[in-house]
C-alpha atoms as a PDB file:
ATOM      1  CA  MET A   1       0.095   0.063   0.035  1.00  0.00           C
ATOM      2  CA  PRO A   2       1.551   3.435  -1.068  1.00  0.00           C
ATOM      3  CA  ASN A   3       1.970   6.285   1.477  1.00  0.00           C
ATOM      4  CA  THR A   4      -0.719   8.990   0.473  1.00  0.00           C
ATOM      5  CA  THR A   5       0.198  11.072   3.217  1.00  0.00           C
ATOM      6  CA  PRO A   6       1.861  13.970   1.020  1.00  0.00           C
ATOM      7  CA  ILE A   7      -0.288  13.592  -1.657  1.00  0.00           C
ATOM      8  CA  VAL A   8      -3.797  14.351   0.947  1.00  0.00           C
ATOM      9  CA  TRP A   9      -1.789  17.308   2.498  1.00  0.00           C
ATOM     10  CA  THR A  10      -1.059  18.304  -0.624  1.00  0.00           C
ATOM     11  CA  LEU A  11      -4.687  18.596  -1.513  1.00  0.00           C
ATOM     12  CA  ILE A  12      -5.668  19.350   1.630  1.00  0.00           C
ATOM     13  CA  PHE A  13      -2.993  22.819   1.447  1.00  0.00           C
ATOM     14  CA  SER A  14      -4.333  23.202  -1.556  1.00  0.00           C
ATOM     15  CA  ALA A  15      -8.047  23.472  -0.483  1.00  0.00           C
ATOM     16  CA  TRP A  16      -6.689  25.875   2.387  1.00  0.00           C
ATOM     17  CA  LEU A  17      -5.051  28.287  -0.366  1.00  0.00           C
ATOM     18  CA  ILE A  18      -8.427  28.858  -2.059  1.00  0.00           C
ATOM     19  CA  VAL A  19     -10.335  29.146   1.234  1.00  0.00           C
ATOM     20  CA  THR A  20      -7.407  31.790   2.329  1.00  0.00           C
ATOM     21  CA  VAL A  21      -7.383  34.177  -1.183  1.00  0.00           C
ATOM     22  CA  SER A  22     -11.304  33.857  -1.387  1.00  0.00           C
ATOM     23  CA  THR A  23     -11.858  35.174   2.422  1.00  0.00           C
ATOM     24  CA  LEU A  24      -8.867  37.784   1.749  1.00  0.00           C
ATOM     25  CA  GLY A  25     -10.513  38.566  -1.276  1.00  0.00           C
ATOM     26  CA  ALA A  26     -14.149  39.259  -0.055  1.00  0.00           C
ATOM     27  CA  LEU A  27     -12.174  41.109   3.115  1.00  0.00           C
ATOM     28  CA  PHE A  28     -10.638  43.257   0.371  1.00  0.00           C
ATOM     29  CA  LEU A  29     -13.979  44.147  -1.589  1.00  0.00           C
ATOM     30  CA  GLY A  30     -16.329  44.568   1.931  1.00  0.00           C
ATOM     31  CA  GLU A  31     -14.009  46.159   4.127  1.00  0.00           C
ATOM     32  CA  VAL A  32     -11.738  48.307   1.128  1.00  0.00           C
ATOM     33  CA  MET A  33     -13.678  48.249  -1.805  1.00  0.00           C
ATOM     34  CA  GLY A  34     -17.020  49.194   0.049  1.00  0.00           C
ATOM     35  CA  TYR A  35     -19.083  46.523  -1.321  1.00  0.00           C
ATOM     36  CA  THR A  36     -22.050  45.749   1.132  1.00  0.00           C
ATOM     37  CA  PRO A  37     -22.533  41.656   1.367  1.00  0.00           C
ATOM     38  CA  CYS A  38     -26.184  40.802  -0.004  1.00  0.00           C
ATOM     39  CA  ILE A  39     -27.815  38.004   2.791  1.00  0.00           C
ATOM     40  CA  LEU A  40     -26.564  35.364   0.395  1.00  0.00           C
ATOM     41  CA  CYS A  41     -23.222  36.907   0.277  1.00  0.00           C
ATOM     42  CA  TRP A  42     -23.648  36.811   4.191  1.00  0.00           C
ATOM     43  CA  TYR A  43     -24.157  33.086   4.320  1.00  0.00           C
ATOM     44  CA  GLN A  44     -21.362  32.110   1.538  1.00  0.00           C
ATOM     45  CA  ARG A  45     -19.164  33.792   3.698  1.00  0.00           C
ATOM     46  CA  ILE A  46     -20.373  32.138   7.138  1.00  0.00           C
ATOM     47  CA  ALA A  47     -19.962  29.149   5.022  1.00  0.00           C
ATOM     48  CA  MET A  48     -16.095  29.787   3.902  1.00  0.00           C
ATOM     49  CA  PHE A  49     -14.478  32.166   6.928  1.00  0.00           C
ATOM     50  CA  PRO A  50     -14.491  29.069   9.190  1.00  0.00           C
ATOM     51  CA  LEU A  51     -12.621  27.493   6.596  1.00  0.00           C
ATOM     52  CA  VAL A  52      -9.293  28.813   6.880  1.00  0.00           C
ATOM     53  CA  MET A  53      -8.808  27.649  10.466  1.00  0.00           C
ATOM     54  CA  VAL A  54     -10.870  24.493  10.341  1.00  0.00           C
ATOM     55  CA  LEU A  55      -8.232  23.148   7.195  1.00  0.00           C
ATOM     56  CA  ALA A  56      -5.037  24.568   8.988  1.00  0.00           C
ATOM     57  CA  ALA A  57      -6.240  22.950  11.972  1.00  0.00           C
ATOM     58  CA  GLY A  58      -5.438  19.611  10.029  1.00  0.00           C
ATOM     59  CA  LEU A  59      -2.911  20.497   8.300  1.00  0.00           C
ATOM     60  CA  PHE A  60      -0.418  20.999  11.545  1.00  0.00           C
ATOM     61  CA  PRO A  61      -0.173  18.061  12.294  1.00  0.00           C
ATOM     62  CA  LEU A  62      -2.233  15.875   9.442  1.00  0.00           C
ATOM     63  CA  ASP A  63      -4.935  14.930  10.183  1.00  0.00           C
ATOM     64  CA  PRO A  64      -7.021  13.654   7.462  1.00  0.00           C
ATOM     65  CA  ARG A  65     -10.140  13.306   9.134  1.00  0.00           C
ATOM     66  CA  VAL A  66     -10.410  16.915   8.785  1.00  0.00           C
ATOM     67  CA  VAL A  67     -12.507  16.957   5.656  1.00  0.00           C
ATOM     68  CA  ARG A  68     -15.342  15.513   7.367  1.00  0.00           C
ATOM     69  CA  TYR A  69     -15.937  18.531   9.018  1.00  0.00           C
ATOM     70  CA  ALA A  70     -14.876  20.891   6.524  1.00  0.00           C
ATOM     71  CA  LEU A  71     -16.622  19.060   3.656  1.00  0.00           C
ATOM     72  CA  PRO A  72     -20.148  20.082   4.847  1.00  0.00           C
ATOM     73  CA  LEU A  73     -19.246  23.811   4.789  1.00  0.00           C
ATOM     74  CA  ALA A  74     -18.257  23.606   1.819  1.00  0.00           C
ATOM     75  CA  MET A  75     -21.182  22.055   0.044  1.00  0.00           C
ATOM     76  CA  THR A  76     -23.203  24.135   2.136  1.00  0.00           C
ATOM     77  CA  GLY A  77     -21.226  26.868   0.903  1.00  0.00           C
ATOM     78  CA  LEU A  78     -21.772  25.888  -2.922  1.00  0.00           C
ATOM     79  CA  GLY A  79     -25.072  25.236  -3.018  1.00  0.00           C
ATOM     80  CA  LEU A  80     -25.365  29.210  -2.149  1.00  0.00           C
ATOM     81  CA  ALA A  81     -23.190  30.280  -4.510  1.00  0.00           C
ATOM     82  CA  LEU A  82     -25.039  28.322  -7.060  1.00  0.00           C
ATOM     83  CA  PHE A  83     -28.253  29.928  -5.949  1.00  0.00           C
ATOM     84  CA  HIS A  84     -26.677  33.056  -5.927  1.00  0.00           C
ATOM     85  CA  LEU A  85     -25.519  33.382  -9.531  1.00  0.00           C
ATOM     86  CA  ALA A  86     -29.153  31.850 -10.526  1.00  0.00           C
ATOM     87  CA  LEU A  87     -30.621  34.553  -9.120  1.00  0.00           C
ATOM     88  CA  THR A  88     -28.129  36.927 -10.453  1.00  0.00           C
ATOM     89  CA  ALA A  89     -28.739  35.115 -14.079  1.00  0.00           C
ATOM     90  CA  GLY A  90     -32.306  35.132 -14.032  1.00  0.00           C
ATOM     91  CA  TRP A  91     -33.595  31.699 -13.422  1.00  0.00           C
ATOM     92  CA  ILE A  92     -34.869  32.085 -10.197  1.00  0.00           C
ATOM     93  CA  PRO A  93     -38.272  33.186 -10.030  1.00  0.00           C
ATOM     94  CA  GLU A  94     -38.793  37.414  -8.091  1.00  0.00           C
ATOM     95  CA  ASN A  95     -41.536  35.608  -5.638  1.00  0.00           C
ATOM     96  CA  LEU A  96     -38.058  33.266  -4.696  1.00  0.00           C
ATOM     97  CA  LYS A  97     -35.528  36.450  -3.500  1.00  0.00           C
ATOM     98  CA  PRO A  98     -34.335  35.740  -0.055  1.00  0.00           C
ATOM     99  CA  CYS A  99     -33.004  39.767   0.162  1.00  0.00           C
ATOM    100  CA  GLN A 100     -35.982  41.612   0.615  1.00  0.00           C
ATOM    101  CA  GLN A 101     -33.752  44.350   2.647  1.00  0.00           C
ATOM    102  CA  GLY A 102     -30.730  46.191   2.619  1.00  0.00           C
ATOM    103  CA  VAL A 103     -29.124  45.092  -0.778  1.00  0.00           C
ATOM    104  CA  PRO A 104     -30.847  43.026  -3.473  1.00  0.00           C
ATOM    105  CA  CYS A 105     -29.003  39.740  -3.813  1.00  0.00           C
ATOM    106  CA  SER A 106     -29.813  40.260  -7.729  1.00  0.00           C
ATOM    107  CA  ASN A 107     -27.476  43.198  -7.596  1.00  0.00           C
ATOM    108  CA  ILE A 108     -24.149  42.532  -9.817  1.00  0.00           C
ATOM    109  CA  PRO A 109     -21.668  45.145  -8.454  1.00  0.00           C
ATOM    110  CA  VAL A 110     -18.458  44.005  -9.618  1.00  0.00           C
ATOM    111  CA  ILE A 111     -18.272  42.466 -13.433  1.00  0.00           C
ATOM    112  CA  TRP A 112     -14.569  41.789 -14.426  1.00  0.00           C
ATOM    113  CA  PHE A 113     -14.082  41.186 -17.878  1.00  0.00           C
ATOM    114  CA  GLY A 114     -17.837  41.031 -19.366  1.00  0.00           C
ATOM    115  CA  PHE A 115     -18.885  37.678 -17.737  1.00  0.00           C
ATOM    116  CA  VAL A 116     -16.871  37.113 -14.128  1.00  0.00           C
ATOM    117  CA  THR A 117     -18.881  37.918 -10.867  1.00  0.00           C
ATOM    118  CA  ILE A 118     -18.601  37.792  -7.603  1.00  0.00           C
ATOM    119  CA  PRO A 119     -20.885  35.080  -7.572  1.00  0.00           C
ATOM    120  CA  LEU A 120     -19.382  33.341 -10.039  1.00  0.00           C
ATOM    121  CA  LEU A 121     -16.279  33.348  -8.712  1.00  0.00           C
ATOM    122  CA  SER A 122     -17.830  32.009  -5.115  1.00  0.00           C
ATOM    123  CA  VAL A 123     -19.151  29.393  -6.840  1.00  0.00           C
ATOM    124  CA  LEU A 124     -15.543  28.574  -8.138  1.00  0.00           C
ATOM    125  CA  SER A 125     -14.392  28.477  -5.118  1.00  0.00           C
ATOM    126  CA  PHE A 126     -16.575  26.283  -3.581  1.00  0.00           C
ATOM    127  CA  SER A 127     -16.557  23.879  -6.630  1.00  0.00           C
ATOM    128  CA  PHE A 128     -12.805  23.503  -6.203  1.00  0.00           C
ATOM    129  CA  ILE A 129     -12.784  23.323  -2.136  1.00  0.00           C
ATOM    130  CA  THR A 130     -15.024  20.515  -2.594  1.00  0.00           C
ATOM    131  CA  GLY A 131     -13.825  18.629  -5.167  1.00  0.00           C
ATOM    132  CA  LEU A 132     -10.022  19.044  -3.290  1.00  0.00           C
ATOM    133  CA  LEU A 133     -11.741  17.831  -0.310  1.00  0.00           C
ATOM    134  CA  LEU A 134     -13.219  15.448  -1.921  1.00  0.00           C
ATOM    135  CA  ALA A 135      -9.998  14.271  -3.055  1.00  0.00           C
ATOM    136  CA  ALA A 136      -8.084  13.840  -0.008  1.00  0.00           C
ATOM    137  CA  HIS A 137     -11.166  11.653   1.601  1.00  0.00           C
ATOM    138  CA  LEU A 138     -10.946   9.471  -0.904  1.00  0.00           C
ATOM    139  CA  LYS A 139      -6.985   9.252  -1.418  1.00  0.00           C
ATOM    140  CA  GLY A 140      -6.975   9.357   2.805  1.00  0.00           C
ATOM    141  CA  SER A 141      -9.134   6.259   3.113  1.00  0.00           C
ATOM    142  CA  LYS A 142      -7.227   3.826   0.651  1.00  0.00           C
END
């Protein structure tokens, strides 16, 4: 049986890097650029921000069981991000919008390169994090 510890560590570390960059990006957009997050953005932050510490705690020393704590947060964040992306794309009916007060969830304050929005970045981040954590789980259980 080959030693999969370096591979599992690398996968979890890669997920931690994405989580950290995403968290810093969200904080930069909110605190420095002054974009007020909508309710769905706040829920996604609730799923993302704890992952920085959870994954770091599972890296030093390596504990592959950290995936069982991180994966539910990542998958919840992915579901919220997909819903948010569908909402901003207009695929969700108006009456299902969760943001009744404050910043509307369908508001798109930033569009880079003509198609990259904050909800799209969130979907990509949570997708990569979920994929890396699933790969770490599969490699670690062999």
